[in-house]
Amino acid sequence: MKLLIILCLAICFQLSFEIVLNVENLPKVPQKDEKILDFIEKRKIEAVKNKDEQLLKKKVYTHEKNPICFLDAEIGPCFALYRPYFFNKKTGKCEEFVYGGCKGNSNRFETIEECEKQCL
């Protein structure tokens, strides 16, 4: 059994060594093709940038639509310990906070889903 394992390992090593040698001996890409590859790579980068800009514009538009999302979380003067959600403009996420139960502001939602629907 040990001999069979050693034989298998030797064959696998030989095959992997041949593959490495073959990869190193591949012909180089002609300069003309390199220019095409550079062009394709630049197009990919531009597409990603455009997608990011579109997402950013969408988020800015959404926040302009709901200015309450830019308000800071406000606990209020009362002493209850409610745990609603608010949109944290610094992190760009809906987060839980402690609300005293009175006054405060409109950046306060009963569920995280409601917060995300209004602010994301």
N, C-alpha and C. Protein backbone atom coordinates (compact mmCIF):
# COMPACT_ATOMS: atom_id res chain seq x y z
N MET A 1 0.83 -1.20 0.00
CA MET A 1 0.00 0.00 0.00
C MET A 1 0.87 1.26 0.00
N LYS A 2 1.94 1.24 0.83
CA LYS A 2 2.84 2.40 0.87
C LYS A 2 3.51 2.62 -0.48
N LEU A 3 3.85 1.52 -1.14
CA LEU A 3 4.49 1.62 -2.45
C LEU A 3 3.55 2.26 -3.46
N LEU A 4 2.28 1.92 -3.38
CA LEU A 4 1.28 2.49 -4.29
C LEU A 4 1.13 4.00 -4.06
N ILE A 5 1.13 4.41 -2.80
CA ILE A 5 1.02 5.84 -2.48
C ILE A 5 2.25 6.59 -2.99
N ILE A 6 3.43 6.02 -2.77
CA ILE A 6 4.66 6.66 -3.23
C ILE A 6 4.66 6.77 -4.75
N LEU A 7 4.20 5.73 -5.43
CA LEU A 7 4.13 5.74 -6.89
C LEU A 7 3.17 6.83 -7.38
N CYS A 8 2.01 6.95 -6.73
CA CYS A 8 1.03 7.98 -7.10
C CYS A 8 1.61 9.38 -6.89
N LEU A 9 2.28 9.58 -5.77
CA LEU A 9 2.88 10.89 -5.49
C LEU A 9 3.95 11.24 -6.53
N ALA A 10 4.74 10.26 -6.91
CA ALA A 10 5.79 10.49 -7.91
C ALA A 10 5.18 10.88 -9.25
N ILE A 11 4.13 10.20 -9.65
CA ILE A 11 3.47 10.52 -10.92
C ILE A 11 2.85 11.91 -10.86
N CYS A 12 2.16 12.23 -9.76
CA CYS A 12 1.54 13.55 -9.61
C CYS A 12 2.60 14.65 -9.65
N PHE A 13 3.72 14.44 -8.97
CA PHE A 13 4.79 15.44 -8.95
C PHE A 13 5.34 15.65 -10.35
N GLN A 14 5.55 14.56 -11.08
CA GLN A 14 6.08 14.65 -12.45
C GLN A 14 5.11 15.42 -13.34
N LEU A 15 3.81 15.13 -13.24
CA LEU A 15 2.82 15.82 -14.06
C LEU A 15 2.77 17.30 -13.73
N SER A 16 2.76 17.64 -12.43
CA SER A 16 2.69 19.05 -12.06
C SER A 16 3.95 19.79 -12.49
N PHE A 17 5.10 19.13 -12.45
CA PHE A 17 6.35 19.75 -12.88
C PHE A 17 6.31 20.04 -14.39
N GLU A 18 5.76 19.10 -15.16
CA GLU A 18 5.64 19.29 -16.61
C GLU A 18 4.68 20.44 -16.92
N ILE A 19 3.60 20.55 -16.17
CA ILE A 19 2.64 21.63 -16.40
C ILE A 19 3.30 22.98 -16.14
N VAL A 20 4.06 23.09 -15.06
CA VAL A 20 4.75 24.35 -14.75
C VAL A 20 5.73 24.70 -15.87
N LEU A 21 6.48 23.73 -16.35
CA LEU A 21 7.42 24.00 -17.43
C LEU A 21 6.70 24.45 -18.69
N ASN A 22 5.56 23.82 -18.99
CA ASN A 22 4.81 24.19 -20.19
C ASN A 22 4.25 25.60 -20.09
N VAL A 23 3.80 26.02 -18.92
CA VAL A 23 3.27 27.36 -18.73
C VAL A 23 4.37 28.40 -18.94
N GLU A 24 5.56 28.11 -18.45
CA GLU A 24 6.67 29.05 -18.60
C GLU A 24 7.11 29.19 -20.05
N ASN A 25 6.87 28.17 -20.86
CA ASN A 25 7.30 28.20 -22.26
C ASN A 25 6.24 28.73 -23.21
N LEU A 26 5.14 29.24 -22.69
CA LEU A 26 4.10 29.78 -23.57
C LEU A 26 4.63 31.00 -24.31
N PRO A 27 4.17 31.21 -25.54
CA PRO A 27 4.63 32.39 -26.28
C PRO A 27 4.09 33.66 -25.64
N LYS A 28 4.86 34.75 -25.78
CA LYS A 28 4.43 36.03 -25.23
C LYS A 28 3.34 36.61 -26.11
N VAL A 29 2.50 37.44 -25.49
CA VAL A 29 1.42 38.10 -26.22
C VAL A 29 2.03 39.16 -27.12
N PRO A 30 1.68 39.17 -28.41
CA PRO A 30 2.21 40.21 -29.30
C PRO A 30 1.80 41.59 -28.81
N GLN A 31 2.61 42.60 -29.14
CA GLN A 31 2.38 43.96 -28.66
C GLN A 31 1.00 44.47 -29.08
N LYS A 32 0.57 44.14 -30.28
CA LYS A 32 -0.74 44.57 -30.78
C LYS A 32 -1.85 44.04 -29.86
N ASP A 33 -1.73 42.77 -29.47
CA ASP A 33 -2.73 42.17 -28.59
C ASP A 33 -2.67 42.78 -27.19
N GLU A 34 -1.48 43.18 -26.74
CA GLU A 34 -1.36 43.83 -25.43
C GLU A 34 -2.14 45.13 -25.42
N LYS A 35 -2.10 45.88 -26.52
CA LYS A 35 -2.86 47.13 -26.61
C LYS A 35 -4.35 46.86 -26.53
N ILE A 36 -4.79 45.79 -27.17
CA ILE A 36 -6.21 45.42 -27.11
C ILE A 36 -6.58 45.06 -25.67
N LEU A 37 -5.73 44.28 -25.02
CA LEU A 37 -6.00 43.90 -23.63
C LEU A 37 -6.03 45.12 -22.72
N ASP A 38 -5.11 46.08 -22.93
CA ASP A 38 -5.12 47.32 -22.15
C ASP A 38 -6.42 48.08 -22.36
N PHE A 39 -6.87 48.16 -23.61
CA PHE A 39 -8.11 48.85 -23.94
C PHE A 39 -9.30 48.20 -23.21
N ILE A 40 -9.34 46.87 -23.24
CA ILE A 40 -10.43 46.14 -22.57
C ILE A 40 -10.38 46.39 -21.07
N GLU A 41 -9.19 46.36 -20.49
CA GLU A 41 -9.05 46.59 -19.05
C GLU A 41 -9.51 47.99 -18.66
N LYS A 42 -9.15 48.99 -19.47
CA LYS A 42 -9.59 50.37 -19.21
C LYS A 42 -11.10 50.47 -19.28
N ARG A 43 -11.71 49.78 -20.24
CA ARG A 43 -13.17 49.80 -20.37
C ARG A 43 -13.84 49.19 -19.14
N LYS A 44 -13.27 48.11 -18.63
CA LYS A 44 -13.81 47.48 -17.42
C LYS A 44 -13.77 48.46 -16.25
N ILE A 45 -12.63 49.15 -16.09
CA ILE A 45 -12.48 50.11 -15.00
C ILE A 45 -13.49 51.24 -15.14
N GLU A 46 -13.66 51.76 -16.37
CA GLU A 46 -14.63 52.83 -16.61
C GLU A 46 -16.05 52.37 -16.27
N ALA A 47 -16.38 51.13 -16.63
CA ALA A 47 -17.72 50.60 -16.35
C ALA A 47 -17.97 50.53 -14.85
N VAL A 48 -16.97 50.10 -14.09
CA VAL A 48 -17.11 50.02 -12.63
C VAL A 48 -17.28 51.42 -12.05
N LYS A 49 -16.48 52.39 -12.52
CA LYS A 49 -16.59 53.77 -12.03
C LYS A 49 -17.98 54.33 -12.32
N ASN A 50 -18.48 54.10 -13.53
CA ASN A 50 -19.81 54.60 -13.90
C ASN A 50 -20.89 53.98 -13.02
N LYS A 51 -20.77 52.69 -12.74
CA LYS A 51 -21.74 52.01 -11.89
C LYS A 51 -21.71 52.60 -10.48
N ASP A 52 -20.50 52.83 -9.94
CA ASP A 52 -20.37 53.42 -8.61
C ASP A 52 -20.97 54.82 -8.57
N GLU A 53 -20.73 55.62 -9.61
CA GLU A 53 -21.28 56.97 -9.66
C GLU A 53 -22.81 56.93 -9.70
N GLN A 54 -23.37 55.99 -10.46
CA GLN A 54 -24.83 55.86 -10.53
C GLN A 54 -25.40 55.50 -9.16
N LEU A 55 -24.74 54.58 -8.46
CA LEU A 55 -25.22 54.19 -7.13
C LEU A 55 -25.13 55.37 -6.17
N LEU A 56 -24.04 56.13 -6.24
CA LEU A 56 -23.87 57.29 -5.38
C LEU A 56 -24.95 58.32 -5.65
N LYS A 57 -25.23 58.60 -6.92
CA LYS A 57 -26.28 59.56 -7.28
C LYS A 57 -27.63 59.09 -6.76
N LYS A 58 -27.88 57.79 -6.85
CA LYS A 58 -29.16 57.24 -6.38
C LYS A 58 -29.29 57.46 -4.87
N LYS A 59 -28.22 57.21 -4.12
CA LYS A 59 -28.28 57.40 -2.66
C LYS A 59 -28.46 58.87 -2.32
N VAL A 60 -27.74 59.75 -3.01
CA VAL A 60 -27.88 61.18 -2.74
C VAL A 60 -29.31 61.62 -3.04
N TYR A 61 -29.86 61.15 -4.14
CA TYR A 61 -31.24 61.50 -4.50
C TYR A 61 -32.20 61.03 -3.42
N THR A 62 -32.00 59.82 -2.95
CA THR A 62 -32.89 59.28 -1.91
C THR A 62 -32.81 60.13 -0.65
N HIS A 63 -31.62 60.54 -0.24
CA HIS A 63 -31.49 61.34 0.97
C HIS A 63 -32.08 62.72 0.79
N GLU A 64 -31.94 63.30 -0.41
CA GLU A 64 -32.55 64.60 -0.66
C GLU A 64 -34.07 64.48 -0.57
N LYS A 65 -34.58 63.33 -0.95
CA LYS A 65 -36.02 63.08 -0.89
C LYS A 65 -36.49 62.98 0.56
N ASN A 66 -35.64 62.48 1.45
CA ASN A 66 -35.99 62.30 2.86
C ASN A 66 -34.98 63.03 3.75
N PRO A 67 -35.13 64.32 3.94
CA PRO A 67 -34.16 65.07 4.75
C PRO A 67 -34.12 64.62 6.21
N ILE A 68 -35.15 63.91 6.69
CA ILE A 68 -35.12 63.44 8.09
C ILE A 68 -33.96 62.47 8.33
N CYS A 69 -33.50 61.84 7.25
CA CYS A 69 -32.41 60.88 7.39
C CYS A 69 -31.09 61.55 7.77
N PHE A 70 -31.00 62.88 7.60
CA PHE A 70 -29.79 63.60 7.95
C PHE A 70 -29.81 64.11 9.39
N LEU A 71 -30.93 63.95 10.08
CA LEU A 71 -31.01 64.39 11.47
C LEU A 71 -30.24 63.42 12.36
N ASP A 72 -29.63 63.95 13.42
CA ASP A 72 -28.95 63.09 14.39
C ASP A 72 -30.00 62.36 15.23
N ALA A 73 -29.62 61.22 15.78
CA ALA A 73 -30.52 60.51 16.70
C ALA A 73 -30.74 61.40 17.91
N GLU A 74 -31.99 61.53 18.32
CA GLU A 74 -32.30 62.39 19.46
C GLU A 74 -33.04 61.58 20.52
N ILE A 75 -32.46 61.46 21.70
CA ILE A 75 -33.02 60.66 22.79
C ILE A 75 -34.30 61.27 23.34
N GLY A 76 -34.35 62.58 23.44
CA GLY A 76 -35.50 63.27 24.03
C GLY A 76 -35.34 63.38 25.54
N PRO A 77 -36.20 64.21 26.19
CA PRO A 77 -36.03 64.49 27.62
C PRO A 77 -36.65 63.45 28.57
N CYS A 78 -37.44 62.52 28.05
CA CYS A 78 -38.10 61.54 28.94
C CYS A 78 -37.16 60.37 29.25
N PHE A 79 -37.63 59.47 30.14
CA PHE A 79 -36.74 58.44 30.68
C PHE A 79 -37.13 57.00 30.35
N ALA A 80 -37.97 56.81 29.34
CA ALA A 80 -38.29 55.44 28.91
C ALA A 80 -37.05 54.86 28.19
N LEU A 81 -37.06 53.58 27.94
CA LEU A 81 -35.92 52.95 27.28
C LEU A 81 -36.38 52.21 26.02
N TYR A 82 -36.97 52.94 25.09
CA TYR A 82 -37.38 52.34 23.82
C TYR A 82 -36.13 52.12 22.96
N ARG A 83 -36.20 51.13 22.08
CA ARG A 83 -35.06 50.82 21.20
C ARG A 83 -35.47 50.90 19.73
N PRO A 84 -35.76 52.11 19.23
CA PRO A 84 -36.10 52.26 17.81
C PRO A 84 -34.81 52.33 16.97
N TYR A 85 -34.99 52.58 15.68
CA TYR A 85 -33.86 52.69 14.75
C TYR A 85 -33.79 54.10 14.18
N PHE A 86 -32.60 54.52 13.85
CA PHE A 86 -32.41 55.81 13.17
C PHE A 86 -31.39 55.59 12.06
N PHE A 87 -31.42 56.49 11.06
CA PHE A 87 -30.43 56.41 10.00
C PHE A 87 -29.20 57.20 10.41
N ASN A 88 -28.07 56.52 10.50
CA ASN A 88 -26.81 57.16 10.87
C ASN A 88 -26.14 57.66 9.60
N LYS A 89 -26.14 58.97 9.41
CA LYS A 89 -25.58 59.55 8.18
C LYS A 89 -24.08 59.32 8.06
N LYS A 90 -23.40 59.09 9.17
CA LYS A 90 -21.95 58.87 9.13
C LYS A 90 -21.60 57.48 8.61
N THR A 91 -22.38 56.48 9.02
CA THR A 91 -22.10 55.10 8.58
C THR A 91 -22.92 54.71 7.36
N GLY A 92 -23.99 55.47 7.09
CA GLY A 92 -24.86 55.14 5.96
C GLY A 92 -25.73 53.93 6.22
N LYS A 93 -25.98 53.62 7.51
CA LYS A 93 -26.77 52.44 7.89
C LYS A 93 -27.83 52.82 8.91
N CYS A 94 -28.85 51.99 8.99
CA CYS A 94 -29.87 52.14 10.04
C CYS A 94 -29.35 51.42 11.28
N GLU A 95 -29.41 52.11 12.42
CA GLU A 95 -28.88 51.55 13.66
C GLU A 95 -29.86 51.77 14.80
N GLU A 96 -29.76 50.90 15.78
CA GLU A 96 -30.62 50.99 16.97
C GLU A 96 -30.06 52.07 17.91
N PHE A 97 -30.97 52.75 18.62
CA PHE A 97 -30.54 53.71 19.64
C PHE A 97 -31.57 53.73 20.76
N VAL A 98 -31.22 54.36 21.88
CA VAL A 98 -32.14 54.46 23.03
C VAL A 98 -32.94 55.75 22.89
N TYR A 99 -34.27 55.61 22.97
CA TYR A 99 -35.18 56.76 22.87
C TYR A 99 -35.96 56.87 24.17
N GLY A 100 -36.01 58.07 24.73
CA GLY A 100 -36.67 58.29 26.02
C GLY A 100 -38.18 58.23 25.99
N GLY A 101 -38.80 58.34 24.82
CA GLY A 101 -40.25 58.18 24.73
C GLY A 101 -41.01 59.45 24.43
N CYS A 102 -40.38 60.62 24.46
CA CYS A 102 -41.08 61.86 24.12
C CYS A 102 -40.14 62.82 23.40
N LYS A 103 -40.76 63.71 22.64
CA LYS A 103 -40.06 64.70 21.82
C LYS A 103 -39.12 63.99 20.85
N GLY A 104 -37.86 64.35 20.78
CA GLY A 104 -36.97 63.75 19.79
C GLY A 104 -37.23 64.35 18.41
N ASN A 105 -36.91 63.60 17.36
CA ASN A 105 -37.16 64.09 16.00
C ASN A 105 -37.71 62.96 15.13
N SER A 106 -37.84 63.22 13.85
CA SER A 106 -38.46 62.25 12.94
C SER A 106 -37.53 61.15 12.46
N ASN A 107 -36.24 61.26 12.74
CA ASN A 107 -35.32 60.20 12.34
C ASN A 107 -35.40 59.09 13.39
N ARG A 108 -36.56 58.46 13.45
CA ARG A 108 -36.85 57.42 14.45
C ARG A 108 -37.87 56.47 13.83
N PHE A 109 -37.53 55.20 13.76
CA PHE A 109 -38.37 54.20 13.10
C PHE A 109 -38.54 52.99 14.01
N GLU A 110 -39.72 52.41 14.00
CA GLU A 110 -39.99 51.25 14.86
C GLU A 110 -39.20 50.02 14.44
N THR A 111 -39.00 49.84 13.13
CA THR A 111 -38.28 48.66 12.64
C THR A 111 -37.12 49.08 11.75
N ILE A 112 -36.16 48.21 11.63
CA ILE A 112 -35.02 48.49 10.75
C ILE A 112 -35.48 48.53 9.30
N GLU A 113 -36.49 47.71 8.96
CA GLU A 113 -37.01 47.68 7.60
C GLU A 113 -37.62 49.03 7.21
N GLU A 114 -38.37 49.62 8.15
CA GLU A 114 -38.99 50.92 7.90
C GLU A 114 -37.90 51.99 7.70
N CYS A 115 -36.87 51.95 8.52
CA CYS A 115 -35.75 52.89 8.40
C CYS A 115 -35.07 52.74 7.04
N GLU A 116 -34.78 51.52 6.65
CA GLU A 116 -34.10 51.27 5.38
C GLU A 116 -34.97 51.69 4.20
N LYS A 117 -36.27 51.47 4.31
CA LYS A 117 -37.18 51.86 3.23
C LYS A 117 -37.18 53.37 3.03
N GLN A 118 -37.10 54.12 4.11
CA GLN A 118 -37.15 55.58 4.04
C GLN A 118 -35.80 56.21 3.68
N CYS A 119 -34.71 55.58 4.11
CA CYS A 119 -33.41 56.26 4.01
C CYS A 119 -32.39 55.61 3.09
N LEU A 120 -32.60 54.39 2.66
CA LEU A 120 -31.61 53.75 1.77
C LEU A 120 -32.13 53.68 0.35
